[in-house]
């Protein structure tokens, strides 16, 4: 948060902040005496307005009622009284924003819910009343101007790499709803961006010609759960804990990842020398191979590798981030939850084989907006 505050005051021009949910941890509201009111106090003095959407951990964890009553009002009660409505829209400049709620709280916190959150405690879907409202809202939005829709849980997940080297996606498994319910509503808009959180990882990809998905890694990474090691904040896919900076000029939208503990220029990738890594964390001794994790990658980015000016082959691959794998393996905080917060396979990894270890290898990454990021390996 301190780094975010510094960035906010460095930004020239109007600033608006979007928070994609999970501002607190529902199960710790009483235990730690830290809930949504305490979260709001942390924001005192922050520059500019902050617009929120609900996360699954922003719901009331205790209470009595039927499933219908939990979905309708019990789960959302504290959020609405403290933060505001669970769905709404606004226009800022040329952009229409729809701030949505796709969390259905199905009942109070129990051991059963903790053990199987997605199946018993939470459903991830937009309720019909909200969808009816959204359809009316979008009738009045200019289809030639950008539309940004924010909600907590993404409709899709990455599913590896296609034969042509592009990101493959799949609809998130849900017993409640398919993505079509939202896609049909926005098909006539020229440019649409879905902004989501929840997964503690970065996934940026095109759903269709007019829709980009941005699954944004959490600012607290996974460090809030694995706090017994001195380490940088890092997510399950290796993304540095931080935030995204979106710049809007008229109808043009661009974005960059910013780590909470480094500059934008140094926040885009991490490079591993697989010769030196332990095998259990992905090392390949004697391979002379580099592994490059480009966190915010999408299929319009480019990556190049050279060795004293001579081009090297770069091969895209799906895999685990070695640093997070080490951190998750060695932490003592989660010994009682062996399957929680495991390293996730990501599709923004690349391998480069060096030919001469005495030469400098230069990795050059260019994003879709022409921003260039370079790191040298000696």
Protein backbone atom coordinates (compact mmCIF):
# COMPACT_ATOMS: atom_id res chain seq x y z
CA UNK A 1 0.00 0.00 0.00
CA UNK A 2 2.78 2.55 0.66
CA UNK A 3 4.12 2.03 -2.87
CA UNK A 4 0.63 2.43 -4.32
CA UNK A 5 0.24 5.71 -2.42
CA UNK A 6 3.55 6.98 -3.77
CA UNK A 7 2.55 6.11 -7.32
CA UNK A 8 -0.84 7.77 -6.86
CA UNK A 9 0.79 11.07 -5.93
CA UNK A 10 3.28 10.82 -8.80
CA UNK A 11 0.58 10.38 -11.45
CA UNK A 12 -0.20 13.54 -13.40
CA UNK A 13 -3.82 14.32 -14.12
CA UNK A 14 -6.99 12.73 -12.74
CA UNK A 15 -6.57 9.44 -10.88
CA UNK A 16 -9.19 6.77 -10.24
CA UNK A 17 -8.49 3.51 -8.42
CA UNK A 18 -10.34 0.23 -8.93
CA UNK A 19 -10.27 -2.47 -6.24
CA UNK A 20 -11.32 -5.91 -7.48
CA UNK A 21 -12.39 -7.44 -4.16
CA UNK A 22 -11.09 -9.26 -1.09
CA UNK A 23 -10.25 -6.13 0.85
CA UNK A 24 -10.29 -8.20 4.03
CA UNK A 25 -10.59 -11.85 5.08
CA UNK A 26 -14.08 -12.73 6.25
CA UNK A 27 -12.95 -15.58 8.46
CA UNK A 28 -10.63 -13.22 10.37
CA UNK A 29 -13.04 -10.34 10.94
CA UNK A 30 -13.67 -11.30 14.56
CA UNK A 31 -10.40 -13.13 15.27
CA UNK A 32 -8.17 -10.23 14.22
CA UNK A 33 -10.69 -7.44 14.80
CA UNK A 34 -10.05 -6.34 11.22
CA UNK A 35 -12.98 -6.09 8.84
CA UNK A 36 -14.25 -3.72 6.20
CA UNK A 37 -14.48 -0.67 8.51
CA UNK A 38 -10.83 -1.11 9.51
CA UNK A 39 -9.89 -1.47 5.84
CA UNK A 40 -11.53 1.87 5.04
CA UNK A 41 -9.54 3.57 7.80
CA UNK A 42 -6.33 2.46 6.05
CA UNK A 43 -7.36 4.54 3.04
CA UNK A 44 -7.44 7.86 4.92
CA UNK A 45 -5.42 10.40 2.96
CA UNK A 46 -5.27 8.36 -0.24
CA UNK A 47 -5.42 10.47 -3.37
CA UNK A 48 -8.57 10.24 -5.45
CA UNK A 49 -11.69 8.06 -5.35
CA UNK A 50 -11.57 4.27 -5.05
CA UNK A 51 -14.27 2.16 -6.69
CA UNK A 52 -14.79 -1.34 -5.29
CA UNK A 53 -16.30 -4.64 -6.28
CA UNK A 54 -17.04 -7.49 -3.90
CA UNK A 55 -14.77 -10.47 -3.40
CA UNK A 56 -15.73 -13.78 -1.85
CA UNK A 57 -13.87 -12.79 1.35
CA UNK A 58 -15.91 -9.58 1.70
CA UNK A 59 -19.06 -11.50 2.63
CA UNK A 60 -20.50 -12.00 6.08
CA UNK A 61 -19.16 -15.33 7.43
CA UNK A 62 -21.71 -15.79 10.25
CA UNK A 63 -25.48 -15.84 10.43
CA UNK A 64 -28.64 -17.90 10.01
CA UNK A 65 -30.99 -18.19 7.07
CA UNK A 66 -31.91 -20.12 3.98
CA UNK A 67 -29.66 -20.29 0.91
CA UNK A 68 -32.02 -17.83 -0.82
CA UNK A 69 -31.71 -15.39 2.11
CA UNK A 70 -27.93 -15.69 2.09
CA UNK A 71 -27.79 -14.96 -1.64
CA UNK A 72 -30.29 -12.09 -1.41
CA UNK A 73 -29.01 -10.12 1.56
CA UNK A 74 -27.29 -11.88 4.48
CA UNK A 75 -23.90 -12.39 2.83
CA UNK A 76 -23.77 -8.87 1.35
CA UNK A 77 -25.17 -6.94 4.31
CA UNK A 78 -21.90 -5.76 5.89
CA UNK A 79 -20.35 -4.87 2.54
CA UNK A 80 -23.31 -2.76 1.45
CA UNK A 81 -23.50 -0.94 4.79
CA UNK A 82 -19.73 -0.24 4.88
CA UNK A 83 -18.46 0.02 1.30
CA UNK A 84 -21.51 0.63 -0.91
CA UNK A 85 -23.67 -1.12 -3.52
CA UNK A 86 -22.51 -4.47 -4.81
CA UNK A 87 -23.08 -3.43 -8.43
CA UNK A 88 -23.28 -0.05 -10.17
CA UNK A 89 -21.99 1.80 -13.22
CA UNK A 90 -20.37 5.12 -14.05
CA UNK A 91 -18.86 7.12 -16.89
CA UNK A 92 -15.34 8.51 -16.57
CA UNK A 93 -14.16 10.34 -19.65
CA UNK A 94 -15.03 8.25 -22.69
CA UNK A 95 -15.14 4.99 -20.74
CA UNK A 96 -18.24 3.32 -19.36
CA UNK A 97 -17.54 1.24 -16.25
CA UNK A 98 -19.80 -1.57 -15.03
CA UNK A 99 -18.80 -2.67 -11.52
CA UNK A 100 -20.36 -6.07 -10.92
CA UNK A 101 -20.77 -8.76 -8.26
CA UNK A 102 -20.38 -12.41 -9.30
CA UNK A 103 -20.14 -13.87 -5.79
CA UNK A 104 -23.09 -15.86 -4.46
CA UNK A 105 -22.76 -16.58 -0.74
CA UNK A 106 -24.65 -19.80 -0.12
CA UNK A 107 -24.39 -20.05 3.64
CA UNK A 108 -22.37 -19.32 6.79
CA UNK A 109 -18.72 -20.20 7.25
CA UNK A 110 -18.36 -23.83 8.34
CA UNK A 111 -15.67 -26.48 8.18
CA UNK A 112 -17.51 -27.90 5.21
CA UNK A 113 -17.48 -24.54 3.43
CA UNK A 114 -13.81 -24.01 4.20
CA UNK A 115 -12.97 -27.42 2.77
CA UNK A 116 -14.87 -26.93 -0.47
CA UNK A 117 -15.47 -23.22 -0.96
CA UNK A 118 -16.39 -23.32 -4.63
CA UNK A 119 -18.93 -26.10 -4.17
CA UNK A 120 -20.75 -25.30 -0.94
CA UNK A 121 -19.97 -21.86 0.45
CA UNK A 122 -19.67 -19.70 -2.66
CA UNK A 123 -21.08 -19.80 -6.15
CA UNK A 124 -19.46 -17.64 -8.81
CA UNK A 125 -22.21 -16.17 -10.99
CA UNK A 126 -24.20 -13.01 -11.70
CA UNK A 127 -27.71 -13.15 -10.26
CA UNK A 128 -30.63 -12.54 -12.61
CA UNK A 129 -31.69 -9.25 -11.04
CA UNK A 130 -28.21 -7.86 -11.66
CA UNK A 131 -28.15 -9.18 -15.24
CA UNK A 132 -31.50 -7.53 -15.98
CA UNK A 133 -30.15 -4.25 -14.61
CA UNK A 134 -26.94 -4.60 -16.62
CA UNK A 135 -28.81 -5.19 -19.88
CA UNK A 136 -30.73 -1.95 -19.35
CA UNK A 137 -27.58 -0.07 -18.34
CA UNK A 138 -25.67 -1.12 -21.45
CA UNK A 139 -28.50 -0.01 -23.72
CA UNK A 140 -27.51 3.58 -22.95
CA UNK A 141 -23.73 3.10 -23.33
CA UNK A 142 -22.02 4.24 -26.54
CA UNK A 143 -20.90 1.08 -28.35
CA UNK A 144 -18.07 2.96 -30.11
CA UNK A 145 -16.42 3.90 -26.80
CA UNK A 146 -14.54 1.59 -24.43
CA UNK A 147 -16.39 -0.53 -21.89
CA UNK A 148 -14.61 -1.76 -18.75
CA UNK A 149 -16.36 -4.40 -16.66
CA UNK A 150 -14.98 -5.21 -13.20
CA UNK A 151 -15.87 -8.26 -11.11
CA UNK A 152 -13.99 -10.58 -8.78
CA UNK A 153 -13.79 -14.02 -10.43
CA UNK A 154 -12.80 -14.40 -14.09
CA UNK A 155 -15.02 -16.18 -16.61
CA UNK A 156 -12.06 -17.98 -18.17
CA UNK A 157 -8.71 -19.46 -17.18
CA UNK A 158 -5.61 -20.00 -19.30
CA UNK A 159 -5.20 -23.60 -20.40
CA UNK A 160 -1.69 -23.80 -21.82
CA UNK A 161 -0.42 -22.90 -25.28
CA UNK A 162 -1.91 -23.71 -28.69
CA UNK A 163 0.07 -25.35 -31.48
CA UNK A 164 0.55 -21.90 -33.04
CA UNK A 165 2.17 -20.66 -29.82
CA UNK A 166 -0.76 -18.54 -28.65
CA UNK A 167 -2.53 -18.60 -25.30
CA UNK A 168 -5.25 -21.21 -24.99
CA UNK A 169 -8.17 -20.47 -22.67
CA UNK A 170 -11.06 -22.45 -21.24
CA UNK A 171 -14.29 -21.41 -19.57
CA UNK A 172 -14.01 -21.58 -15.80
CA UNK A 173 -15.86 -24.62 -14.52
CA UNK A 174 -19.11 -23.50 -12.92
CA UNK A 175 -22.28 -25.28 -11.93
CA UNK A 176 -24.11 -21.95 -11.95
CA UNK A 177 -23.43 -20.07 -15.19
CA UNK A 178 -21.56 -20.04 -18.50
CA UNK A 179 -19.61 -17.02 -19.82
CA UNK A 180 -22.13 -16.54 -22.64
CA UNK A 181 -24.46 -14.72 -20.29
CA UNK A 182 -22.02 -11.78 -20.23
CA UNK A 183 -20.44 -12.14 -23.67
CA UNK A 184 -23.78 -11.77 -25.44
CA UNK A 185 -24.36 -8.44 -23.73
CA UNK A 186 -21.10 -6.87 -24.89
CA UNK A 187 -20.71 -8.32 -28.39
CA UNK A 188 -21.69 -5.03 -30.08
CA UNK A 189 -19.11 -2.91 -28.22
CA UNK A 190 -16.00 -1.94 -30.18
CA UNK A 191 -13.61 -2.47 -27.24
CA UNK A 192 -14.26 -4.29 -23.97
CA UNK A 193 -11.97 -5.02 -21.03
CA UNK A 194 -12.82 -7.49 -18.26
CA UNK A 195 -10.89 -6.77 -15.03
CA UNK A 196 -10.84 -9.56 -12.44
CA UNK A 197 -8.89 -10.67 -9.38
CA UNK A 198 -9.34 -13.70 -7.10
CA UNK A 199 -6.70 -16.09 -8.49
CA UNK A 200 -3.46 -14.54 -7.13
CA UNK A 201 -1.90 -14.68 -10.59
CA UNK A 202 -1.65 -12.68 -13.81
CA UNK A 203 -3.49 -13.82 -16.93
CA UNK A 204 -3.90 -11.42 -19.84
CA UNK A 205 -5.52 -12.67 -23.04
CA UNK A 206 -8.05 -11.92 -25.76
CA UNK A 207 -11.40 -13.67 -25.40
CA UNK A 208 -12.53 -12.41 -28.80
CA UNK A 209 -11.60 -9.67 -31.26
CA UNK A 210 -13.20 -7.01 -29.08
CA UNK A 211 -12.75 -8.42 -25.54
CA UNK A 212 -9.55 -8.48 -23.46
CA UNK A 213 -9.42 -10.24 -20.12
CA UNK A 214 -7.12 -8.97 -17.37
CA UNK A 215 -6.85 -11.29 -14.37
CA UNK A 216 -4.81 -9.11 -12.06
CA UNK A 217 -2.57 -10.61 -9.38
CA UNK A 218 -3.32 -9.50 -5.84
CA UNK A 219 -1.41 -6.62 -4.32
CA UNK A 220 -0.58 -8.79 -1.32
CA UNK A 221 0.49 -11.66 -3.59
CA UNK A 222 0.33 -14.85 -1.50
CA UNK A 223 2.66 -13.43 1.13
CA UNK A 224 -0.26 -12.71 3.42
CA UNK A 225 -0.65 -16.48 3.81
CA UNK A 226 3.02 -17.44 3.69
CA UNK A 227 4.48 -14.99 6.16
CA UNK A 228 7.13 -16.99 7.98
CA UNK A 229 9.88 -16.31 5.43
CA UNK A 230 11.73 -13.13 4.57
CA UNK A 231 10.91 -12.83 0.91
CA UNK A 232 9.58 -10.54 -1.81
CA UNK A 233 5.83 -10.55 -2.35
CA UNK A 234 5.16 -13.11 -5.04
CA UNK A 235 2.11 -14.87 -6.49
CA UNK A 236 1.44 -18.48 -7.45
CA UNK A 237 2.57 -17.90 -11.04
CA UNK A 238 5.63 -15.90 -10.00
CA UNK A 239 4.09 -12.46 -10.56
CA UNK A 240 5.47 -9.86 -8.21
CA UNK A 241 2.84 -8.56 -5.80
CA UNK A 242 1.69 -5.18 -7.05
CA UNK A 243 -0.92 -3.57 -9.26
CA UNK A 244 -1.72 -2.54 -12.82
CA UNK A 245 -1.65 1.04 -14.06
CA UNK A 246 -4.19 1.72 -16.82
CA UNK A 247 -3.77 4.92 -18.83
CA UNK A 248 -6.80 6.27 -20.71
CA UNK A 249 -6.47 8.95 -23.38
CA UNK A 250 -9.75 9.48 -25.19
CA UNK A 251 -10.70 6.03 -26.49
CA UNK A 252 -7.17 4.64 -26.18
CA UNK A 253 -6.37 2.36 -23.22
CA UNK A 254 -2.95 1.01 -22.26
CA UNK A 255 -1.69 -0.81 -19.18
CA UNK A 256 1.49 -1.74 -17.33
CA UNK A 257 2.29 -3.95 -14.36
CA UNK A 258 3.95 -2.27 -11.37
CA UNK A 259 5.57 -4.28 -8.58
CA UNK A 260 5.11 -2.93 -5.06
CA UNK A 261 8.86 -3.06 -4.48
CA UNK A 262 10.40 -2.11 -7.82
CA UNK A 263 10.15 0.20 -10.82
CA UNK A 264 7.85 -0.45 -13.77
CA UNK A 265 10.90 -1.23 -15.90
CA UNK A 266 12.03 -3.95 -13.48
CA UNK A 267 8.55 -5.35 -12.84
CA UNK A 268 7.91 -7.13 -16.12
CA UNK A 269 9.96 -10.34 -15.94
CA UNK A 270 12.17 -12.60 -13.88
CA UNK A 271 15.00 -14.66 -15.38
CA UNK A 272 16.32 -17.95 -13.98
CA UNK A 273 19.59 -19.69 -14.84
CA UNK A 274 18.45 -23.32 -14.88
CA UNK A 275 22.07 -24.46 -14.53
CA UNK A 276 22.13 -23.14 -10.98
CA UNK A 277 18.64 -23.99 -9.70
CA UNK A 278 18.00 -27.09 -7.57
CA UNK A 279 16.27 -29.79 -9.61
CA UNK A 280 13.32 -29.90 -7.21
CA UNK A 281 12.51 -26.29 -8.08
CA UNK A 282 12.84 -26.71 -11.84
CA UNK A 283 16.60 -26.64 -12.29
CA UNK A 284 18.23 -28.33 -15.28
CA UNK A 285 21.95 -28.64 -14.45
CA UNK A 286 24.15 -28.61 -17.53
CA UNK A 287 21.36 -27.46 -19.85
CA UNK A 288 22.75 -23.91 -20.32
CA UNK A 289 19.11 -22.89 -20.38
CA UNK A 290 17.49 -19.66 -19.19
CA UNK A 291 13.85 -19.56 -18.07
CA UNK A 292 12.09 -16.19 -18.50
CA UNK A 293 8.80 -15.45 -16.75
CA UNK A 294 7.06 -12.49 -18.46
CA UNK A 295 4.24 -11.78 -16.04
CA UNK A 296 1.89 -9.53 -18.03
CA UNK A 297 2.42 -11.27 -21.37
CA UNK A 298 -0.31 -11.42 -24.00
CA UNK A 299 -0.15 -12.63 -27.58
CA UNK A 300 0.68 -9.18 -28.95
CA UNK A 301 3.93 -9.01 -26.98
CA UNK A 302 7.31 -9.98 -28.44
CA UNK A 303 10.41 -11.50 -26.87
CA UNK A 304 13.92 -11.66 -28.30
CA UNK A 305 17.19 -13.10 -27.01
CA UNK A 306 20.70 -12.33 -28.25
CA UNK A 307 24.18 -13.43 -27.22
CA UNK A 308 26.68 -10.66 -27.88
CA UNK A 309 24.35 -9.52 -30.66
CA UNK A 310 23.69 -12.94 -32.22
CA UNK A 311 20.06 -14.11 -32.12
CA UNK A 312 19.10 -17.08 -29.93
CA UNK A 313 15.98 -19.20 -30.26
CA UNK A 314 13.19 -18.41 -27.79
CA UNK A 315 10.62 -21.16 -27.08
CA UNK A 316 7.40 -20.42 -25.27
CA UNK A 317 6.40 -22.98 -22.65
CA UNK A 318 3.94 -23.53 -19.83
CA UNK A 319 5.40 -24.26 -16.43
CA UNK A 320 5.95 -23.37 -12.78
CA UNK A 321 7.79 -20.37 -11.41
CA UNK A 322 10.84 -21.72 -9.52
CA UNK A 323 10.99 -18.99 -6.88
CA UNK A 324 7.37 -19.40 -5.82
CA UNK A 325 7.77 -23.17 -5.88
CA UNK A 326 10.67 -22.88 -3.44
CA UNK A 327 8.82 -20.47 -1.18
CA UNK A 328 5.69 -22.64 -1.09
CA UNK A 329 7.73 -25.78 -0.41
CA UNK A 330 9.74 -24.30 2.44
CA UNK A 331 7.04 -22.32 4.24
CA UNK A 332 5.93 -23.68 7.61
CA UNK A 333 2.75 -21.61 7.74
CA UNK A 334 0.72 -23.97 5.55
CA UNK A 335 1.88 -27.39 6.73
CA UNK A 336 -1.71 -28.06 7.81
CA UNK A 337 -2.99 -27.21 4.29
CA UNK A 338 -0.79 -29.23 1.92
CA UNK A 339 -2.94 -28.52 -1.15
CA UNK A 340 -3.48 -24.78 -0.58
CA UNK A 341 -1.78 -22.06 -2.63
CA UNK A 342 0.28 -24.48 -4.67
CA UNK A 343 2.40 -23.30 -7.57
CA UNK A 344 0.19 -22.79 -10.61
CA UNK A 345 1.16 -23.61 -14.17
CA UNK A 346 1.33 -20.43 -16.23
CA UNK A 347 1.60 -19.83 -19.97
CA UNK A 348 3.87 -16.77 -19.82
CA UNK A 349 7.19 -18.65 -19.61
CA UNK A 350 9.99 -18.85 -22.19
CA UNK A 351 13.17 -20.87 -22.56
CA UNK A 352 16.42 -19.67 -24.13
CA UNK A 353 19.44 -21.95 -24.68
CA UNK A 354 22.79 -20.20 -24.48
CA UNK A 355 25.72 -21.28 -26.62
CA UNK A 356 28.58 -19.59 -24.73
CA UNK A 357 28.35 -18.93 -20.98
CA UNK A 358 31.19 -16.42 -21.17
CA UNK A 359 29.06 -14.12 -23.31
CA UNK A 360 26.29 -11.77 -22.20
CA UNK A 361 22.74 -12.84 -23.02
CA UNK A 362 20.28 -9.99 -23.56
CA UNK A 363 16.56 -10.58 -23.11
CA UNK A 364 14.38 -7.95 -24.79
CA UNK A 365 10.62 -7.89 -24.25
CA UNK A 366 8.31 -5.50 -26.11
CA UNK A 367 4.71 -5.08 -24.99
CA UNK A 368 1.76 -4.42 -27.30
CA UNK A 369 2.19 -0.66 -26.85
CA UNK A 370 5.85 -0.58 -27.89
CA UNK A 371 7.32 -0.31 -24.38
CA UNK A 372 10.66 -2.13 -24.29
CA UNK A 373 12.11 -3.94 -21.28
CA UNK A 374 15.66 -5.34 -21.32
CA UNK A 375 17.64 -7.51 -18.92
CA UNK A 376 21.18 -8.83 -19.29
CA UNK A 377 22.42 -12.18 -18.02
CA UNK A 378 26.17 -12.58 -17.61
